[in-house]
Amino acid sequence: AMGWFRQAPGKEREFVAAITSASTTNHADSVKGRFTISRHNAENTVY
């Protein structure tokens, strides 16, 4: 599984989005509808 987190100064590291090996996704409420996680397995890359 692959994920994205973010951390602002003085803040805890915050979950943003994640994707499973089967490409099932989960997005934090704060970014839902604006951010999209995806993966291209042939390139070993997550976006």
PDB file of all heavy atoms in Angstrom:
ATOM      1  N   ALA A   1       0.849  -1.176   0.000  1.00  0.00           N
ATOM      2  CA  ALA A   1       0.000   0.000   0.000  1.00  0.00           C
ATOM      3  C   ALA A   1       0.894   1.238   0.000  1.00  0.00           C
ATOM      4  O   ALA A   1       1.996   1.221   0.551  1.00  0.00           O
ATOM      5  CB  ALA A   1      -0.908   0.012   1.220  1.00  0.00           C
ATOM      6  N   MET A   2       0.428   2.302  -0.619  1.00  0.00           N
ATOM      7  CA  MET A   2       1.174   3.545  -0.688  1.00  0.00           C
ATOM      8  C   MET A   2       0.313   4.674  -0.140  1.00  0.00           C
ATOM      9  O   MET A   2      -0.910   4.655  -0.277  1.00  0.00           O
ATOM     10  CB  MET A   2       1.585   3.862  -2.122  1.00  0.00           C
ATOM     11  CG  MET A   2       2.420   2.779  -2.791  1.00  0.00           C
ATOM     12  SD  MET A   2       4.062   2.597  -2.035  1.00  0.00           S
ATOM     13  CE  MET A   2       4.791   4.188  -2.437  1.00  0.00           C
ATOM     14  N   GLY A   3       0.971   5.652   0.462  1.00  0.00           N
ATOM     15  CA  GLY A   3       0.226   6.750   1.050  1.00  0.00           C
ATOM     16  C   GLY A   3       0.949   8.070   0.938  1.00  0.00           C
ATOM     17  O   GLY A   3       2.155   8.132   0.670  1.00  0.00           O
ATOM     18  N   TRP A   4       0.190   9.134   1.147  1.00  0.00           N
ATOM     19  CA  TRP A   4       0.720  10.485   1.240  1.00  0.00           C
ATOM     20  C   TRP A   4       0.310  11.085   2.577  1.00  0.00           C
ATOM     21  O   TRP A   4      -0.856  10.975   2.989  1.00  0.00           O
ATOM     22  CB  TRP A   4       0.205  11.377   0.113  1.00  0.00           C
ATOM     23  CG  TRP A   4       0.788  11.078  -1.235  1.00  0.00           C
ATOM     24  CD1 TRP A   4       0.245  10.323  -2.220  1.00  0.00           C
ATOM     25  CD2 TRP A   4       2.042  11.563  -1.742  1.00  0.00           C
ATOM     26  NE1 TRP A   4       1.071  10.294  -3.313  1.00  0.00           N
ATOM     27  CE2 TRP A   4       2.181  11.043  -3.049  1.00  0.00           C
ATOM     28  CE3 TRP A   4       3.050  12.372  -1.228  1.00  0.00           C
ATOM     29  CZ2 TRP A   4       3.291  11.313  -3.845  1.00  0.00           C
ATOM     30  CZ3 TRP A   4       4.160  12.638  -2.015  1.00  0.00           C
ATOM     31  CH2 TRP A   4       4.277  12.106  -3.313  1.00  0.00           C
ATOM     32  N   PHE A   5       1.265  11.708   3.246  1.00  0.00           N
ATOM     33  CA  PHE A   5       1.040  12.458   4.476  1.00  0.00           C
ATOM     34  C   PHE A   5       1.604  13.856   4.292  1.00  0.00           C
ATOM     35  O   PHE A   5       2.411  14.102   3.392  1.00  0.00           O
ATOM     36  CB  PHE A   5       1.710  11.776   5.670  1.00  0.00           C
ATOM     37  CG  PHE A   5       1.069  10.479   6.082  1.00  0.00           C
ATOM     38  CD1 PHE A   5       1.235   9.331   5.330  1.00  0.00           C
ATOM     39  CD2 PHE A   5       0.299  10.414   7.237  1.00  0.00           C
ATOM     40  CE1 PHE A   5       0.649   8.136   5.710  1.00  0.00           C
ATOM     41  CE2 PHE A   5      -0.286   9.229   7.633  1.00  0.00           C
ATOM     42  CZ  PHE A   5      -0.115   8.091   6.866  1.00  0.00           C
ATOM     43  N   ARG A   6       1.196  14.770   5.162  1.00  0.00           N
ATOM     44  CA  ARG A   6       1.756  16.111   5.122  1.00  0.00           C
ATOM     45  C   ARG A   6       1.955  16.631   6.539  1.00  0.00           C
ATOM     46  O   ARG A   6       1.287  16.202   7.482  1.00  0.00           O
ATOM     47  CB  ARG A   6       0.868  17.070   4.321  1.00  0.00           C
ATOM     48  CG  ARG A   6      -0.499  17.331   4.932  1.00  0.00           C
ATOM     49  CD  ARG A   6      -1.356  18.134   3.965  1.00  0.00           C
ATOM     50  NE  ARG A   6      -2.654  18.466   4.525  1.00  0.00           N
ATOM     51  CZ  ARG A   6      -3.628  19.061   3.852  1.00  0.00           C
ATOM     52  NH1 ARG A   6      -3.450  19.401   2.579  1.00  0.00           N
ATOM     53  NH2 ARG A   6      -4.784  19.324   4.449  1.00  0.00           N
ATOM     54  N   GLN A   7       2.888  17.562   6.671  1.00  0.00           N
ATOM     55  CA  GLN A   7       3.193  18.131   7.970  1.00  0.00           C
ATOM     56  C   GLN A   7       3.531  19.609   7.810  1.00  0.00           C
ATOM     57  O   GLN A   7       4.465  19.966   7.104  1.00  0.00           O
ATOM     58  CB  GLN A   7       4.356  17.391   8.629  1.00  0.00           C
ATOM     59  CG  GLN A   7       4.599  17.797  10.067  1.00  0.00           C
ATOM     60  CD  GLN A   7       5.531  16.833  10.783  1.00  0.00           C
ATOM     61  OE1 GLN A   7       6.268  16.081  10.149  1.00  0.00           O
ATOM     62  NE2 GLN A   7       5.488  16.844  12.105  1.00  0.00           N
ATOM     63  N   ALA A   8       2.755  20.446   8.472  1.00  0.00           N
ATOM     64  CA  ALA A   8       2.997  21.876   8.506  1.00  0.00           C
ATOM     65  C   ALA A   8       3.757  22.226   9.778  1.00  0.00           C
ATOM     66  O   ALA A   8       3.731  21.466  10.757  1.00  0.00           O
ATOM     67  CB  ALA A   8       1.671  22.635   8.446  1.00  0.00           C
ATOM     68  N   PRO A   9       4.448  23.370   9.816  1.00  0.00           N
ATOM     69  CA  PRO A   9       5.197  23.759  11.018  1.00  0.00           C
ATOM     70  C   PRO A   9       4.315  23.782  12.263  1.00  0.00           C
ATOM     71  O   PRO A   9       3.225  24.355  12.249  1.00  0.00           O
ATOM     72  CB  PRO A   9       5.707  25.160  10.675  1.00  0.00           C
ATOM     73  CG  PRO A   9       5.799  25.166   9.186  1.00  0.00           C
ATOM     74  CD  PRO A   9       4.636  24.334   8.720  1.00  0.00           C
ATOM     75  N   GLY A  10       4.782  23.140  13.329  1.00  0.00           N
ATOM     76  CA  GLY A  10       4.038  23.094  14.577  1.00  0.00           C
ATOM     77  C   GLY A  10       2.861  22.152  14.589  1.00  0.00           C
ATOM     78  O   GLY A  10       2.113  22.129  15.575  1.00  0.00           O
ATOM     79  N   LYS A  11       2.683  21.363  13.543  1.00  0.00           N
ATOM     80  CA  LYS A  11       1.549  20.458  13.439  1.00  0.00           C
ATOM     81  C   LYS A  11       2.016  19.003  13.422  1.00  0.00           C
ATOM     82  O   LYS A  11       3.166  18.703  13.108  1.00  0.00           O
ATOM     83  CB  LYS A  11       0.751  20.736  12.167  1.00  0.00           C
ATOM     84  CG  LYS A  11       0.217  22.151  12.045  1.00  0.00           C
ATOM     85  CD  LYS A  11      -0.944  22.394  12.985  1.00  0.00           C
ATOM     86  CE  LYS A  11      -1.566  23.756  12.718  1.00  0.00           C
ATOM     87  NZ  LYS A  11      -2.735  24.003  13.597  1.00  0.00           N
ATOM     88  N   GLU A  12       1.098  18.105  13.755  1.00  0.00           N
ATOM     89  CA  GLU A  12       1.362  16.679  13.639  1.00  0.00           C
ATOM     90  C   GLU A  12       1.335  16.267  12.175  1.00  0.00           C
ATOM     91  O   GLU A  12       0.694  16.914  11.343  1.00  0.00           O
ATOM     92  CB  GLU A  12       0.323  15.878  14.415  1.00  0.00           C
ATOM     93  CG  GLU A  12       0.328  16.100  15.912  1.00  0.00           C
ATOM     94  CD  GLU A  12       1.532  15.484  16.573  1.00  0.00           C
ATOM     95  OE1 GLU A  12       2.008  14.433  16.086  1.00  0.00           O
ATOM     96  OE2 GLU A  12       2.003  16.044  17.573  1.00  0.00           O
ATOM     97  N   ARG A  13       2.042  15.183  11.877  1.00  0.00           N
ATOM     98  CA  ARG A  13       1.976  14.633  10.536  1.00  0.00           C
ATOM     99  C   ARG A  13       0.563  14.118  10.277  1.00  0.00           C
ATOM    100  O   ARG A  13       0.011  13.353  11.077  1.00  0.00           O
ATOM    101  CB  ARG A  13       3.007  13.523  10.358  1.00  0.00           C
ATOM    102  CG  ARG A  13       3.157  13.062   8.922  1.00  0.00           C
ATOM    103  CD  ARG A  13       4.410  12.214   8.729  1.00  0.00           C
ATOM    104  NE  ARG A  13       5.623  12.975   8.964  1.00  0.00           N
ATOM    105  CZ  ARG A  13       6.852  12.532   8.707  1.00  0.00           C
ATOM    106  NH1 ARG A  13       7.022  11.326   8.184  1.00  0.00           N
ATOM    107  NH2 ARG A  13       7.897  13.289   8.973  1.00  0.00           N
ATOM    108  N   GLU A  14      -0.017  14.516   9.158  1.00  0.00           N
ATOM    109  CA  GLU A  14      -1.425  14.323   8.870  1.00  0.00           C
ATOM    110  C   GLU A  14      -1.625  13.427   7.657  1.00  0.00           C
ATOM    111  O   GLU A  14      -0.983  13.607   6.619  1.00  0.00           O
ATOM    112  CB  GLU A  14      -2.084  15.692   8.625  1.00  0.00           C
ATOM    113  CG  GLU A  14      -3.535  15.654   8.202  1.00  0.00           C
ATOM    114  CD  GLU A  14      -4.041  17.005   7.753  1.00  0.00           C
ATOM    115  OE1 GLU A  14      -3.203  17.869   7.389  1.00  0.00           O
ATOM    116  OE2 GLU A  14      -5.270  17.222   7.772  1.00  0.00           O
ATOM    117  N   PHE A  15      -2.537  12.490   7.786  1.00  0.00           N
ATOM    118  CA  PHE A  15      -2.901  11.624   6.674  1.00  0.00           C
ATOM    119  C   PHE A  15      -3.577  12.421   5.571  1.00  0.00           C
ATOM    120  O   PHE A  15      -4.448  13.255   5.834  1.00  0.00           O
ATOM    121  CB  PHE A  15      -3.839  10.520   7.166  1.00  0.00           C
ATOM    122  CG  PHE A  15      -4.431   9.685   6.069  1.00  0.00           C
ATOM    123  CD1 PHE A  15      -3.692   8.692   5.454  1.00  0.00           C
ATOM    124  CD2 PHE A  15      -5.740   9.885   5.655  1.00  0.00           C
ATOM    125  CE1 PHE A  15      -4.235   7.912   4.447  1.00  0.00           C
ATOM    126  CE2 PHE A  15      -6.296   9.116   4.653  1.00  0.00           C
ATOM    127  CZ  PHE A  15      -5.530   8.127   4.047  1.00  0.00           C
ATOM    128  N   VAL A  16      -3.193  12.142   4.330  1.00  0.00           N
ATOM    129  CA  VAL A  16      -3.785  12.810   3.175  1.00  0.00           C
ATOM    130  C   VAL A  16      -4.559  11.824   2.307  1.00  0.00           C
ATOM    131  O   VAL A  16      -5.740  12.021   2.032  1.00  0.00           O
ATOM    132  CB  VAL A  16      -2.712  13.522   2.326  1.00  0.00           C
ATOM    133  CG1 VAL A  16      -3.332  14.126   1.072  1.00  0.00           C
ATOM    134  CG2 VAL A  16      -2.014  14.597   3.146  1.00  0.00           C
ATOM    135  N   ALA A  17      -3.893  10.763   1.867  1.00  0.00           N
ATOM    136  CA  ALA A  17      -4.523   9.793   0.981  1.00  0.00           C
ATOM    137  C   ALA A  17      -3.707   8.515   0.962  1.00  0.00           C
ATOM    138  O   ALA A  17      -2.510   8.519   1.273  1.00  0.00           O
ATOM    139  CB  ALA A  17      -4.658  10.354  -0.438  1.00  0.00           C
ATOM    140  N   ALA A  18      -4.343   7.409   0.581  1.00  0.00           N
ATOM    141  CA  ALA A  18      -3.651   6.132   0.484  1.00  0.00           C
ATOM    142  C   ALA A  18      -4.291   5.283  -0.593  1.00  0.00           C
ATOM    143  O   ALA A  18      -5.455   5.489  -0.960  1.00  0.00           O
ATOM    144  CB  ALA A  18      -3.669   5.391   1.825  1.00  0.00           C
ATOM    145  N   ILE A  19      -3.527   4.313  -1.080  1.00  0.00           N
ATOM    146  CA  ILE A  19      -4.001   3.421  -2.125  1.00  0.00           C
ATOM    147  C   ILE A  19      -3.431   2.032  -1.881  1.00  0.00           C
ATOM    148  O   ILE A  19      -2.251   1.878  -1.567  1.00  0.00           O
ATOM    149  CB  ILE A  19      -3.620   3.973  -3.522  1.00  0.00           C
ATOM    150  CG1 ILE A  19      -4.225   3.114  -4.631  1.00  0.00           C
ATOM    151  CG2 ILE A  19      -2.106   4.097  -3.673  1.00  0.00           C
ATOM    152  CD1 ILE A  19      -4.142   3.780  -6.001  1.00  0.00           C
ATOM    153  N   THR A  20      -4.265   1.005  -2.017  1.00  0.00           N
ATOM    154  CA  THR A  20      -3.838  -0.370  -1.797  1.00  0.00           C
ATOM    155  C   THR A  20      -3.176  -0.924  -3.045  1.00  0.00           C
ATOM    156  O   THR A  20      -3.156  -0.301  -4.103  1.00  0.00           O
ATOM    157  CB  THR A  20      -5.018  -1.269  -1.420  1.00  0.00           C
ATOM    158  OG1 THR A  20      -5.870  -1.438  -2.568  1.00  0.00           O
ATOM    159  CG2 THR A  20      -5.823  -0.676  -0.275  1.00  0.00           C
ATOM    160  N   SER A  21      -2.637  -2.144  -2.919  1.00  0.00           N
ATOM    161  CA  SER A  21      -2.046  -2.819  -4.061  1.00  0.00           C
ATOM    162  C   SER A  21      -3.071  -3.127  -5.138  1.00  0.00           C
ATOM    163  O   SER A  21      -2.700  -3.320  -6.301  1.00  0.00           O
ATOM    164  CB  SER A  21      -1.351  -4.109  -3.613  1.00  0.00           C
ATOM    165  OG  SER A  21      -2.274  -4.996  -3.002  1.00  0.00           O
ATOM    166  N   ALA A  22      -4.345  -3.172  -4.767  1.00  0.00           N
ATOM    167  CA  ALA A  22      -5.431  -3.394  -5.714  1.00  0.00           C
ATOM    168  C   ALA A  22      -6.053  -2.089  -6.193  1.00  0.00           C
ATOM    169  O   ALA A  22      -7.093  -2.115  -6.853  1.00  0.00           O
ATOM    170  CB  ALA A  22      -6.498  -4.284  -5.091  1.00  0.00           C
ATOM    171  N   SER A  23      -5.441  -0.963  -5.841  1.00  0.00           N
ATOM    172  CA  SER A  23      -5.857   0.376  -6.277  1.00  0.00           C
ATOM    173  C   SER A  23      -7.143   0.861  -5.629  1.00  0.00           C
ATOM    174  O   SER A  23      -7.800   1.762  -6.159  1.00  0.00           O
ATOM    175  CB  SER A  23      -5.968   0.441  -7.804  1.00  0.00           C
ATOM    176  OG  SER A  23      -4.702   0.249  -8.411  1.00  0.00           O
ATOM    177  N   THR A  24      -7.511   0.295  -4.480  1.00  0.00           N
ATOM    178  CA  THR A  24      -8.565   0.884  -3.663  1.00  0.00           C
ATOM    179  C   THR A  24      -8.002   2.116  -2.959  1.00  0.00           C
ATOM    180  O   THR A  24      -6.897   2.073  -2.425  1.00  0.00           O
ATOM    181  CB  THR A  24      -9.074  -0.118  -2.628  1.00  0.00           C
ATOM    182  OG1 THR A  24      -9.623  -1.256  -3.296  1.00  0.00           O
ATOM    183  CG2 THR A  24     -10.152   0.504  -1.753  1.00  0.00           C
ATOM    184  N   THR A  25      -8.747   3.214  -2.937  1.00  0.00           N
ATOM    185  CA  THR A  25      -8.231   4.483  -2.418  1.00  0.00           C
ATOM    186  C   THR A  25      -9.001   4.968  -1.207  1.00  0.00           C
ATOM    187  O   THR A  25     -10.160   4.616  -0.985  1.00  0.00           O
ATOM    188  CB  THR A  25      -8.260   5.576  -3.493  1.00  0.00           C
ATOM    189  OG1 THR A  25      -9.618   5.820  -3.897  1.00  0.00           O
ATOM    190  CG2 THR A  25      -7.441   5.166  -4.703  1.00  0.00           C
ATOM    191  N   ASN A  26      -8.336   5.818  -0.439  1.00  0.00           N
ATOM    192  CA  ASN A  26      -8.930   6.499   0.698  1.00  0.00           C
ATOM    193  C   ASN A  26      -8.338   7.906   0.747  1.00  0.00           C
ATOM    194  O   ASN A  26      -7.124   8.067   0.632  1.00  0.00           O
ATOM    195  CB  ASN A  26      -8.645   5.750   1.995  1.00  0.00           C
ATOM    196  CG  ASN A  26      -9.353   6.365   3.188  1.00  0.00           C
ATOM    197  OD1 ASN A  26     -10.415   6.946   3.061  1.00  0.00           O
ATOM    198  ND2 ASN A  26      -8.762   6.221   4.369  1.00  0.00           N
ATOM    199  N   HIS A  27      -9.188   8.904   0.915  1.00  0.00           N
ATOM    200  CA  HIS A  27      -8.754  10.292   0.974  1.00  0.00           C
ATOM    201  C   HIS A  27      -9.284  10.947   2.255  1.00  0.00           C
ATOM    202  O   HIS A  27     -10.424  10.702   2.651  1.00  0.00           O
ATOM    203  CB  HIS A  27      -9.256  11.089  -0.231  1.00  0.00           C
ATOM    204  CG  HIS A  27      -8.723  10.610  -1.545  1.00  0.00           C
ATOM    205  ND1 HIS A  27      -9.244   9.521  -2.206  1.00  0.00           N
ATOM    206  CD2 HIS A  27      -7.705  11.076  -2.325  1.00  0.00           C
ATOM    207  CE1 HIS A  27      -8.584   9.332  -3.332  1.00  0.00           C
ATOM    208  NE2 HIS A  27      -7.649  10.253  -3.429  1.00  0.00           N
ATOM    209  N   ALA A  28      -8.454  11.776   2.864  1.00  0.00           N
ATOM    210  CA  ALA A  28      -8.882  12.523   4.034  1.00  0.00           C
ATOM    211  C   ALA A  28     -10.014  13.476   3.665  1.00  0.00           C
ATOM    212  O   ALA A  28     -10.082  13.983   2.541  1.00  0.00           O
ATOM    213  CB  ALA A  28      -7.713  13.299   4.624  1.00  0.00           C
ATOM    214  N   ASP A  29     -10.908  13.727   4.627  1.00  0.00           N
ATOM    215  CA  ASP A  29     -12.032  14.616   4.364  1.00  0.00           C
ATOM    216  C   ASP A  29     -11.578  16.008   3.914  1.00  0.00           C
ATOM    217  O   ASP A  29     -12.246  16.649   3.100  1.00  0.00           O
ATOM    218  CB  ASP A  29     -12.909  14.742   5.612  1.00  0.00           C
ATOM    219  CG  ASP A  29     -13.684  13.472   5.912  1.00  0.00           C
ATOM    220  OD1 ASP A  29     -13.836  12.628   5.013  1.00  0.00           O
ATOM    221  OD2 ASP A  29     -14.144  13.329   7.063  1.00  0.00           O
ATOM    222  N   SER A  30     -10.444  16.462   4.430  1.00  0.00           N
ATOM    223  CA  SER A  30      -9.970  17.799   4.124  1.00  0.00           C
ATOM    224  C   SER A  30      -9.552  17.975   2.667  1.00  0.00           C
ATOM    225  O   SER A  30      -9.481  19.104   2.177  1.00  0.00           O
ATOM    226  CB  SER A  30      -8.799  18.164   5.037  1.00  0.00           C
ATOM    227  OG  SER A  30      -7.728  17.254   4.880  1.00  0.00           O
ATOM    228  N   VAL A  31      -9.267  16.868   1.976  1.00  0.00           N
ATOM    229  CA  VAL A  31      -8.818  16.951   0.589  1.00  0.00           C
ATOM    230  C   VAL A  31      -9.751  16.244  -0.379  1.00  0.00           C
ATOM    231  O   VAL A  31      -9.546  16.317  -1.597  1.00  0.00           O
ATOM    232  CB  VAL A  31      -7.394  16.386   0.422  1.00  0.00           C
ATOM    233  CG1 VAL A  31      -6.433  17.068   1.377  1.00  0.00           C
ATOM    234  CG2 VAL A  31      -7.373  14.874   0.620  1.00  0.00           C
ATOM    235  N   LYS A  32     -10.771  15.582   0.136  1.00  0.00           N
ATOM    236  CA  LYS A  32     -11.684  14.821  -0.710  1.00  0.00           C
ATOM    237  C   LYS A  32     -12.353  15.739  -1.728  1.00  0.00           C
ATOM    238  O   LYS A  32     -12.849  16.810  -1.393  1.00  0.00           O
ATOM    239  CB  LYS A  32     -12.723  14.114   0.158  1.00  0.00           C
ATOM    240  CG  LYS A  32     -13.463  12.978  -0.526  1.00  0.00           C
ATOM    241  CD  LYS A  32     -14.271  12.171   0.491  1.00  0.00           C
ATOM    242  CE  LYS A  32     -13.365  11.508   1.515  1.00  0.00           C
ATOM    243  NZ  LYS A  32     -14.140  10.682   2.492  1.00  0.00           N
ATOM    244  N   GLY A  33     -12.352  15.308  -2.979  1.00  0.00           N
ATOM    245  CA  GLY A  33     -12.909  16.111  -4.052  1.00  0.00           C
ATOM    246  C   GLY A  33     -11.913  17.038  -4.701  1.00  0.00           C
ATOM    247  O   GLY A  33     -12.200  17.592  -5.776  1.00  0.00           O
ATOM    248  N   ARG A  34     -10.747  17.233  -4.072  1.00  0.00           N
ATOM    249  CA  ARG A  34      -9.709  18.100  -4.629  1.00  0.00           C
ATOM    250  C   ARG A  34      -8.441  17.325  -4.985  1.00  0.00           C
ATOM    251  O   ARG A  34      -7.802  17.640  -5.989  1.00  0.00           O
ATOM    252  CB  ARG A  34      -9.351  19.214  -3.646  1.00  0.00           C
ATOM    253  CG  ARG A  34     -10.520  20.135  -3.307  1.00  0.00           C
ATOM    254  CD  ARG A  34     -10.051  21.334  -2.486  1.00  0.00           C
ATOM    255  NE  ARG A  34      -9.486  20.922  -1.204  1.00  0.00           N
ATOM    256  CZ  ARG A  34      -8.237  21.189  -0.820  1.00  0.00           C
ATOM    257  NH1 ARG A  34      -7.422  21.872  -1.611  1.00  0.00           N
ATOM    258  NH2 ARG A  34      -7.803  20.783   0.376  1.00  0.00           N
ATOM    259  N   PHE A  35      -8.070  16.354  -4.153  1.00  0.00           N
ATOM    260  CA  PHE A  35      -6.860  15.564  -4.362  1.00  0.00           C
ATOM    261  C   PHE A  35      -7.242  14.161  -4.814  1.00  0.00           C
ATOM    262  O   PHE A  35      -8.263  13.612  -4.380  1.00  0.00           O
ATOM    263  CB  PHE A  35      -6.036  15.441  -3.080  1.00  0.00           C
ATOM    264  CG  PHE A  35      -5.421  16.711  -2.580  1.00  0.00           C
ATOM    265  CD1 PHE A  35      -5.719  17.944  -3.138  1.00  0.00           C
ATOM    266  CD2 PHE A  35      -4.520  16.663  -1.526  1.00  0.00           C
ATOM    267  CE1 PHE A  35      -5.147  19.110  -2.665  1.00  0.00           C
ATOM    268  CE2 PHE A  35      -3.936  17.820  -1.041  1.00  0.00           C
ATOM    269  CZ  PHE A  35      -4.247  19.046  -1.605  1.00  0.00           C
ATOM    270  N   THR A  36      -6.398  13.560  -5.644  1.00  0.00           N
ATOM    271  CA  THR A  36      -6.613  12.201  -6.101  1.00  0.00           C
ATOM    272  C   THR A  36      -5.303  11.432  -6.076  1.00  0.00           C
ATOM    273  O   THR A  36      -4.320  11.859  -6.686  1.00  0.00           O
ATOM    274  CB  THR A  36      -7.189  12.168  -7.522  1.00  0.00           C
ATOM    275  OG1 THR A  36      -8.402  12.927  -7.574  1.00  0.00           O
ATOM    276  CG2 THR A  36      -7.485  10.726  -7.942  1.00  0.00           C
ATOM    277  N   ILE A  37      -5.292  10.303  -5.371  1.00  0.00           N
ATOM    278  CA  ILE A  37      -4.128   9.438  -5.364  1.00  0.00           C
ATOM    279  C   ILE A  37      -4.300   8.354  -6.428  1.00  0.00           C
ATOM    280  O   ILE A  37      -5.415   7.874  -6.661  1.00  0.00           O
ATOM    281  CB  ILE A  37      -3.898   8.807  -3.976  1.00  0.00           C
ATOM    282  CG1 ILE A  37      -2.546   8.095  -3.920  1.00  0.00           C
ATOM    283  CG2 ILE A  37      -5.034   7.870  -3.595  1.00  0.00           C
ATOM    284  CD1 ILE A  37      -2.157   7.637  -2.523  1.00  0.00           C
ATOM    285  N   SER A  38      -3.214   7.990  -7.078  1.00  0.00           N
ATOM    286  CA  SER A  38      -3.229   6.925  -8.068  1.00  0.00           C
ATOM    287  C   SER A  38      -1.866   6.262  -8.106  1.00  0.00           C
ATOM    288  O   SER A  38      -0.908   6.765  -7.530  1.00  0.00           O
ATOM    289  CB  SER A  38      -3.612   7.467  -9.450  1.00  0.00           C
ATOM    290  OG  SER A  38      -2.663   8.413  -9.906  1.00  0.00           O
ATOM    291  N   ARG A  39      -1.787   5.134  -8.778  1.00  0.00           N
ATOM    292  CA  ARG A  39      -0.506   4.446  -8.902  1.00  0.00           C
ATOM    293  C   ARG A  39      -0.372   3.830 -10.282  1.00  0.00           C
ATOM    294  O   ARG A  39      -1.361   3.448 -10.913  1.00  0.00           O
ATOM    295  CB  ARG A  39      -0.330   3.387  -7.808  1.00  0.00           C
ATOM    296  CG  ARG A  39      -1.276   2.195  -7.910  1.00  0.00           C
ATOM    297  CD  ARG A  39      -1.235   1.351  -6.629  1.00  0.00           C
ATOM    298  NE  ARG A  39       0.071   0.750  -6.409  1.00  0.00           N
ATOM    299  CZ  ARG A  39       0.498   0.277  -5.244  1.00  0.00           C
ATOM    300  NH1 ARG A  39      -0.291   0.357  -4.171  1.00  0.00           N
ATOM    301  NH2 ARG A  39       1.705  -0.262  -5.143  1.00  0.00           N
ATOM    302  N   HIS A  40       0.862   3.731 -10.738  1.00  0.00           N
ATOM    303  CA  HIS A  40       1.193   3.073 -11.980  1.00  0.00           C
ATOM    304  C   HIS A  40       2.231   2.011 -11.634  1.00  0.00           C
ATOM    305  O   HIS A  40       3.413   2.309 -11.517  1.00  0.00           O
ATOM    306  CB  HIS A  40       1.730   4.063 -13.001  1.00  0.00           C
ATOM    307  CG  HIS A  40       1.885   3.491 -14.363  1.00  0.00           C
ATOM    308  ND1 HIS A  40       2.263   4.241 -15.454  1.00  0.00           N
ATOM    309  CD2 HIS A  40       1.711   2.232 -14.837  1.00  0.00           C
ATOM    310  CE1 HIS A  40       2.323   3.474 -16.523  1.00  0.00           C
ATOM    311  NE2 HIS A  40       1.989   2.250 -16.164  1.00  0.00           N
ATOM    312  N   ASN A  41       1.765   0.784 -11.461  1.00  0.00           N
ATOM    313  CA  ASN A  41       2.629  -0.275 -10.962  1.00  0.00           C
ATOM    314  C   ASN A  41       3.795  -0.582 -11.903  1.00  0.00           C
ATOM    315  O   ASN A  41       4.886  -0.927 -11.440  1.00  0.00           O
ATOM    316  CB  ASN A  41       1.816  -1.543 -10.709  1.00  0.00           C
ATOM    317  CG  ASN A  41       0.878  -1.403  -9.527  1.00  0.00           C
ATOM    318  OD1 ASN A  41       1.071  -0.552  -8.663  1.00  0.00           O
ATOM    319  ND2 ASN A  41      -0.139  -2.254  -9.479  1.00  0.00           N
ATOM    320  N   ALA A  42       3.566  -0.495 -13.195  1.00  0.00           N
ATOM    321  CA  ALA A  42       4.622  -0.788 -14.151  1.00  0.00           C
ATOM    322  C   ALA A  42       5.789   0.180 -14.030  1.00  0.00           C
ATOM    323  O   ALA A  42       6.909  -0.151 -14.416  1.00  0.00           O
ATOM    324  CB  ALA A  42       4.067  -0.775 -15.571  1.00  0.00           C
ATOM    325  N   GLU A  43       5.539   1.369 -13.495  1.00  0.00           N
ATOM    326  CA  GLU A  43       6.581   2.374 -13.308  1.00  0.00           C
ATOM    327  C   GLU A  43       7.019   2.496 -11.852  1.00  0.00           C
ATOM    328  O   GLU A  43       7.865   3.333 -11.539  1.00  0.00           O
ATOM    329  CB  GLU A  43       6.105   3.729 -13.809  1.00  0.00           C
ATOM    330  CG  GLU A  43       5.811   3.761 -15.300  1.00  0.00           C
ATOM    331  CD  GLU A  43       5.308   5.107 -15.768  1.00  0.00           C
ATOM    332  OE1 GLU A  43       5.014   5.971 -14.911  1.00  0.00           O
ATOM    333  OE2 GLU A  43       5.217   5.306 -16.990  1.00  0.00           O
ATOM    334  N   ASN A  44       6.450   1.687 -10.961  1.00  0.00           N
ATOM    335  CA  ASN A  44       6.752   1.746  -9.525  1.00  0.00           C
ATOM    336  C   ASN A  44       6.566   3.154  -8.981  1.00  0.00           C
ATOM    337  O   ASN A  44       7.398   3.658  -8.218  1.00  0.00           O
ATOM    338  CB  ASN A  44       8.170   1.252  -9.245  1.00  0.00           C
ATOM    339  CG  ASN A  44       8.342  -0.230  -9.493  1.00  0.00           C
ATOM    340  OD1 ASN A  44       7.375  -0.965  -9.686  1.00  0.00           O
ATOM    341  ND2 ASN A  44       9.591  -0.683  -9.482  1.00  0.00           N
ATOM    342  N   THR A  45       5.474   3.789  -9.358  1.00  0.00           N
ATOM    343  CA  THR A  45       5.254   5.185  -9.028  1.00  0.00           C
ATOM    344  C   THR A  45       3.835   5.412  -8.508  1.00  0.00           C
ATOM    345  O   THR A  45       2.880   4.832  -9.026  1.00  0.00           O
ATOM    346  CB  THR A  45       5.490   6.076 -10.257  1.00  0.00           C
ATOM    347  OG1 THR A  45       6.804   5.846 -10.766  1.00  0.00           O
ATOM    348  CG2 THR A  45       5.360   7.544  -9.889  1.00  0.00           C
ATOM    349  N   VAL A  46       3.722   6.256  -7.485  1.00  0.00           N
ATOM    350  CA  VAL A  46       2.435   6.693  -6.974  1.00  0.00           C
ATOM    351  C   VAL A  46       2.350   8.203  -7.159  1.00  0.00           C
ATOM    352  O   VAL A  46       3.361   8.910  -7.057  1.00  0.00           O
ATOM    353  CB  VAL A  46       2.236   6.279  -5.501  1.00  0.00           C
ATOM    354  CG1 VAL A  46       3.263   6.950  -4.600  1.00  0.00           C
ATOM    355  CG2 VAL A  46       0.820   6.601  -5.041  1.00  0.00           C
ATOM    356  N   TYR A  47       1.145   8.695  -7.431  1.00  0.00           N
ATOM    357  CA  TYR A  47       0.940  10.107  -7.717  1.00  0.00           C
ATOM    358  C   TYR A  47      -0.079  10.705  -6.762  1.00  0.00           C
ATOM    359  O   TYR A  47      -0.949  10.019  -6.239  1.00  0.00           O
ATOM    360  CB  TYR A  47       0.436  10.304  -9.149  1.00  0.00           C
ATOM    361  CG  TYR A  47       1.326   9.709 -10.208  1.00  0.00           C
ATOM    362  CD1 TYR A  47       1.066   8.437 -10.722  1.00  0.00           C
ATOM    363  CD2 TYR A  47       2.424  10.401 -10.698  1.00  0.00           C
ATOM    364  CE1 TYR A  47       1.872   7.883 -11.693  1.00  0.00           C
ATOM    365  CE2 TYR A  47       3.237   9.856 -11.667  1.00  0.00           C
ATOM    366  CZ  TYR A  47       2.962   8.596 -12.163  1.00  0.00           C
ATOM    367  OH  TYR A  47       3.772   8.049 -13.132  1.00  0.00           O
TER     368      TYR A  47
END
